[in-house]
N, C-alpha and C. Protein backbone atom coordinates (compact mmCIF):
# COMPACT_ATOMS: atom_id res chain seq x y z
N MET A 1 0.84 -1.18 0.00
CA MET A 1 0.00 0.00 0.00
C MET A 1 0.88 1.24 0.00
N ASN A 2 0.58 2.18 -0.89
CA ASN A 2 1.38 3.40 -1.00
C ASN A 2 0.78 4.46 -0.09
N THR A 3 1.50 4.80 0.97
CA THR A 3 1.00 5.81 1.91
C THR A 3 1.60 7.18 1.66
N LYS A 4 2.49 7.28 0.68
CA LYS A 4 3.11 8.57 0.37
C LYS A 4 2.07 9.48 -0.30
N MET A 5 1.92 10.68 0.25
CA MET A 5 0.97 11.63 -0.31
C MET A 5 1.72 12.61 -1.20
N ASN A 6 1.14 12.92 -2.34
CA ASN A 6 1.72 13.95 -3.19
C ASN A 6 1.29 15.31 -2.66
N GLN A 7 2.23 16.17 -2.41
CA GLN A 7 1.94 17.51 -1.92
C GLN A 7 2.29 18.51 -2.99
N SER A 8 1.44 19.50 -3.17
CA SER A 8 1.70 20.57 -4.12
C SER A 8 2.83 21.44 -3.62
N ILE A 9 3.68 21.88 -4.53
CA ILE A 9 4.74 22.81 -4.21
C ILE A 9 4.20 24.21 -4.42
N ASN A 10 4.28 25.03 -3.41
CA ASN A 10 3.83 26.41 -3.46
C ASN A 10 4.95 27.34 -3.05
N VAL A 11 5.00 28.49 -3.68
CA VAL A 11 6.05 29.47 -3.41
C VAL A 11 5.41 30.78 -2.98
N GLY A 12 5.89 31.32 -1.87
CA GLY A 12 5.46 32.63 -1.42
C GLY A 12 6.61 33.61 -1.56
N VAL A 13 6.30 34.79 -2.09
CA VAL A 13 7.32 35.81 -2.26
C VAL A 13 6.88 37.06 -1.52
N ASP A 14 7.66 37.44 -0.51
CA ASP A 14 7.40 38.66 0.24
C ASP A 14 8.33 39.72 -0.33
N THR A 15 7.74 40.78 -0.83
CA THR A 15 8.54 41.79 -1.52
C THR A 15 8.90 42.94 -0.61
N GLY A 16 10.07 43.44 -0.79
CA GLY A 16 10.54 44.63 -0.10
C GLY A 16 11.22 45.53 -1.08
N LYS A 17 11.50 46.73 -0.70
CA LYS A 17 12.11 47.68 -1.62
C LYS A 17 13.47 47.19 -2.12
N PHE A 18 14.23 46.53 -1.25
CA PHE A 18 15.59 46.13 -1.61
C PHE A 18 15.80 44.63 -1.72
N GLN A 19 14.87 43.82 -1.21
CA GLN A 19 15.06 42.38 -1.30
C GLN A 19 13.73 41.65 -1.42
N LEU A 20 13.80 40.41 -1.91
CA LEU A 20 12.67 39.51 -2.00
C LEU A 20 12.96 38.33 -1.08
N GLU A 21 11.98 37.97 -0.27
CA GLU A 21 12.10 36.80 0.60
C GLU A 21 11.23 35.71 0.01
N ILE A 22 11.82 34.56 -0.27
CA ILE A 22 11.13 33.49 -0.96
C ILE A 22 11.08 32.26 -0.07
N TYR A 23 9.88 31.67 0.02
CA TYR A 23 9.69 30.45 0.81
C TYR A 23 9.01 29.41 -0.06
N ILE A 24 9.61 28.22 -0.14
CA ILE A 24 9.06 27.13 -0.94
C ILE A 24 8.51 26.08 0.01
N ARG A 25 7.21 25.88 -0.06
CA ARG A 25 6.49 24.99 0.84
C ARG A 25 5.98 23.79 0.07
N PRO A 26 6.00 22.62 0.55
CA PRO A 26 6.35 22.14 1.89
C PRO A 26 7.82 21.74 2.03
N LEU A 27 8.65 22.16 1.09
CA LEU A 27 10.07 21.77 1.13
C LEU A 27 10.87 22.50 2.20
N ASP A 28 10.28 23.51 2.80
CA ASP A 28 10.92 24.30 3.85
C ASP A 28 12.23 24.93 3.37
N ILE A 29 12.17 25.49 2.16
CA ILE A 29 13.32 26.19 1.58
C ILE A 29 13.04 27.68 1.67
N TYR A 30 13.97 28.42 2.25
CA TYR A 30 13.83 29.86 2.40
C TYR A 30 15.11 30.52 1.93
N PHE A 31 14.96 31.57 1.10
CA PHE A 31 16.14 32.33 0.69
C PHE A 31 15.73 33.74 0.32
N THR A 32 16.70 34.63 0.27
CA THR A 32 16.45 36.01 -0.12
C THR A 32 17.34 36.35 -1.32
N VAL A 33 16.84 37.27 -2.12
CA VAL A 33 17.60 37.81 -3.25
C VAL A 33 17.37 39.31 -3.28
N THR A 34 18.23 40.00 -3.97
CA THR A 34 18.05 41.44 -4.13
C THR A 34 16.87 41.70 -5.05
N ASN A 35 16.19 42.80 -4.82
CA ASN A 35 15.03 43.17 -5.63
C ASN A 35 15.51 44.01 -6.83
N ASP A 36 16.22 43.34 -7.71
CA ASP A 36 16.66 43.94 -8.96
C ASP A 36 16.67 42.83 -10.01
N ASP A 37 16.97 43.17 -11.23
CA ASP A 37 16.91 42.17 -12.30
C ASP A 37 17.77 40.94 -12.00
N LYS A 38 18.97 41.15 -11.48
CA LYS A 38 19.86 40.02 -11.18
C LYS A 38 19.25 39.10 -10.12
N GLY A 39 18.76 39.69 -9.02
CA GLY A 39 18.18 38.89 -7.95
C GLY A 39 16.91 38.18 -8.39
N ILE A 40 16.08 38.86 -9.16
CA ILE A 40 14.84 38.26 -9.64
C ILE A 40 15.14 37.07 -10.55
N ASN A 41 16.12 37.22 -11.43
CA ASN A 41 16.50 36.10 -12.29
C ASN A 41 17.06 34.92 -11.49
N GLU A 42 17.82 35.21 -10.43
CA GLU A 42 18.32 34.13 -9.55
C GLU A 42 17.15 33.40 -8.91
N ALA A 43 16.16 34.15 -8.43
CA ALA A 43 15.00 33.55 -7.78
C ALA A 43 14.23 32.68 -8.76
N ILE A 44 14.02 33.18 -9.98
CA ILE A 44 13.29 32.41 -10.98
C ILE A 44 14.00 31.11 -11.28
N LYS A 45 15.31 31.16 -11.42
CA LYS A 45 16.09 29.95 -11.70
C LYS A 45 15.93 28.92 -10.58
N GLU A 46 16.01 29.37 -9.34
CA GLU A 46 15.89 28.45 -8.20
C GLU A 46 14.47 27.89 -8.08
N VAL A 47 13.49 28.75 -8.22
CA VAL A 47 12.09 28.32 -8.06
C VAL A 47 11.70 27.32 -9.15
N LYS A 48 12.13 27.55 -10.38
CA LYS A 48 11.79 26.65 -11.49
C LYS A 48 12.24 25.21 -11.24
N LYS A 49 13.34 25.03 -10.50
CA LYS A 49 13.86 23.68 -10.21
C LYS A 49 12.81 22.82 -9.51
N HIS A 50 11.93 23.45 -8.76
CA HIS A 50 10.97 22.73 -7.92
C HIS A 50 9.60 22.58 -8.55
N LYS A 51 9.41 23.15 -9.74
CA LYS A 51 8.17 23.03 -10.51
C LYS A 51 6.93 23.31 -9.64
N PRO A 52 6.83 24.52 -9.11
CA PRO A 52 5.70 24.82 -8.22
C PRO A 52 4.36 24.83 -8.94
N GLU A 53 3.33 24.50 -8.18
CA GLU A 53 1.97 24.58 -8.70
C GLU A 53 1.52 26.03 -8.77
N GLN A 54 1.95 26.82 -7.79
CA GLN A 54 1.60 28.24 -7.80
C GLN A 54 2.68 29.06 -7.10
N VAL A 55 2.75 30.32 -7.51
CA VAL A 55 3.64 31.29 -6.90
C VAL A 55 2.77 32.46 -6.45
N ILE A 56 2.85 32.79 -5.18
CA ILE A 56 2.06 33.88 -4.63
C ILE A 56 2.98 35.06 -4.37
N LEU A 57 2.73 36.14 -5.08
CA LEU A 57 3.54 37.35 -4.99
C LEU A 57 2.67 38.44 -4.39
N ASN A 58 3.09 38.99 -3.25
CA ASN A 58 2.27 40.06 -2.67
C ASN A 58 2.40 41.32 -3.51
N SER A 59 1.41 42.17 -3.42
CA SER A 59 1.40 43.41 -4.20
C SER A 59 2.51 44.33 -3.73
N MET A 60 3.04 45.06 -4.67
CA MET A 60 4.06 46.04 -4.34
C MET A 60 4.15 47.06 -5.45
N LEU A 61 4.71 48.17 -5.11
CA LEU A 61 5.02 49.18 -6.11
C LEU A 61 6.52 49.37 -6.13
N ARG A 62 7.06 49.57 -7.28
CA ARG A 62 8.50 49.80 -7.43
C ARG A 62 8.65 51.13 -8.14
N ASP A 63 9.10 52.12 -7.44
CA ASP A 63 9.21 53.47 -7.97
C ASP A 63 7.87 53.95 -8.52
N GLY A 64 6.78 53.56 -7.84
CA GLY A 64 5.46 54.01 -8.23
C GLY A 64 4.84 53.25 -9.39
N VAL A 65 5.52 52.19 -9.84
CA VAL A 65 5.02 51.40 -10.97
C VAL A 65 4.92 49.95 -10.53
N MET A 66 3.86 49.26 -10.95
CA MET A 66 3.74 47.84 -10.60
C MET A 66 4.92 47.07 -11.17
N TRP A 67 5.44 46.13 -10.39
CA TRP A 67 6.57 45.30 -10.78
C TRP A 67 6.18 44.34 -11.87
N GLU A 68 7.05 44.14 -12.83
CA GLU A 68 6.84 43.14 -13.88
C GLU A 68 8.04 42.23 -13.88
N ALA A 69 7.78 40.93 -14.02
CA ALA A 69 8.88 39.97 -14.08
C ALA A 69 9.69 40.20 -15.35
N PRO A 70 11.00 40.02 -15.27
CA PRO A 70 11.82 40.18 -16.48
C PRO A 70 11.50 39.07 -17.48
N LYS A 71 11.88 39.28 -18.71
CA LYS A 71 11.57 38.33 -19.78
C LYS A 71 12.10 36.93 -19.51
N ALA A 72 13.12 36.78 -18.67
CA ALA A 72 13.68 35.46 -18.36
C ALA A 72 12.66 34.58 -17.68
N ALA A 73 11.59 35.15 -17.13
CA ALA A 73 10.58 34.36 -16.43
C ALA A 73 9.74 33.56 -17.41
N ASN A 74 9.73 33.92 -18.66
CA ASN A 74 8.89 33.24 -19.65
C ASN A 74 9.52 31.98 -20.14
């Protein structure tokens, strides 16, 4: 009997002016990156490894403009 349960991988991103805090659940992975193109691309590369079902990004403004993921996210 297979008692192993499949759990969805979910990512939460807490945004700040200078850094992003990323938590991957239920893997209990936590890391931070700078809130600039370089840091965002690092985060995307790391998150993609885990093939999350969803990524939850809290609302934020960056210099008065809504943040957009760089083209590397596609």
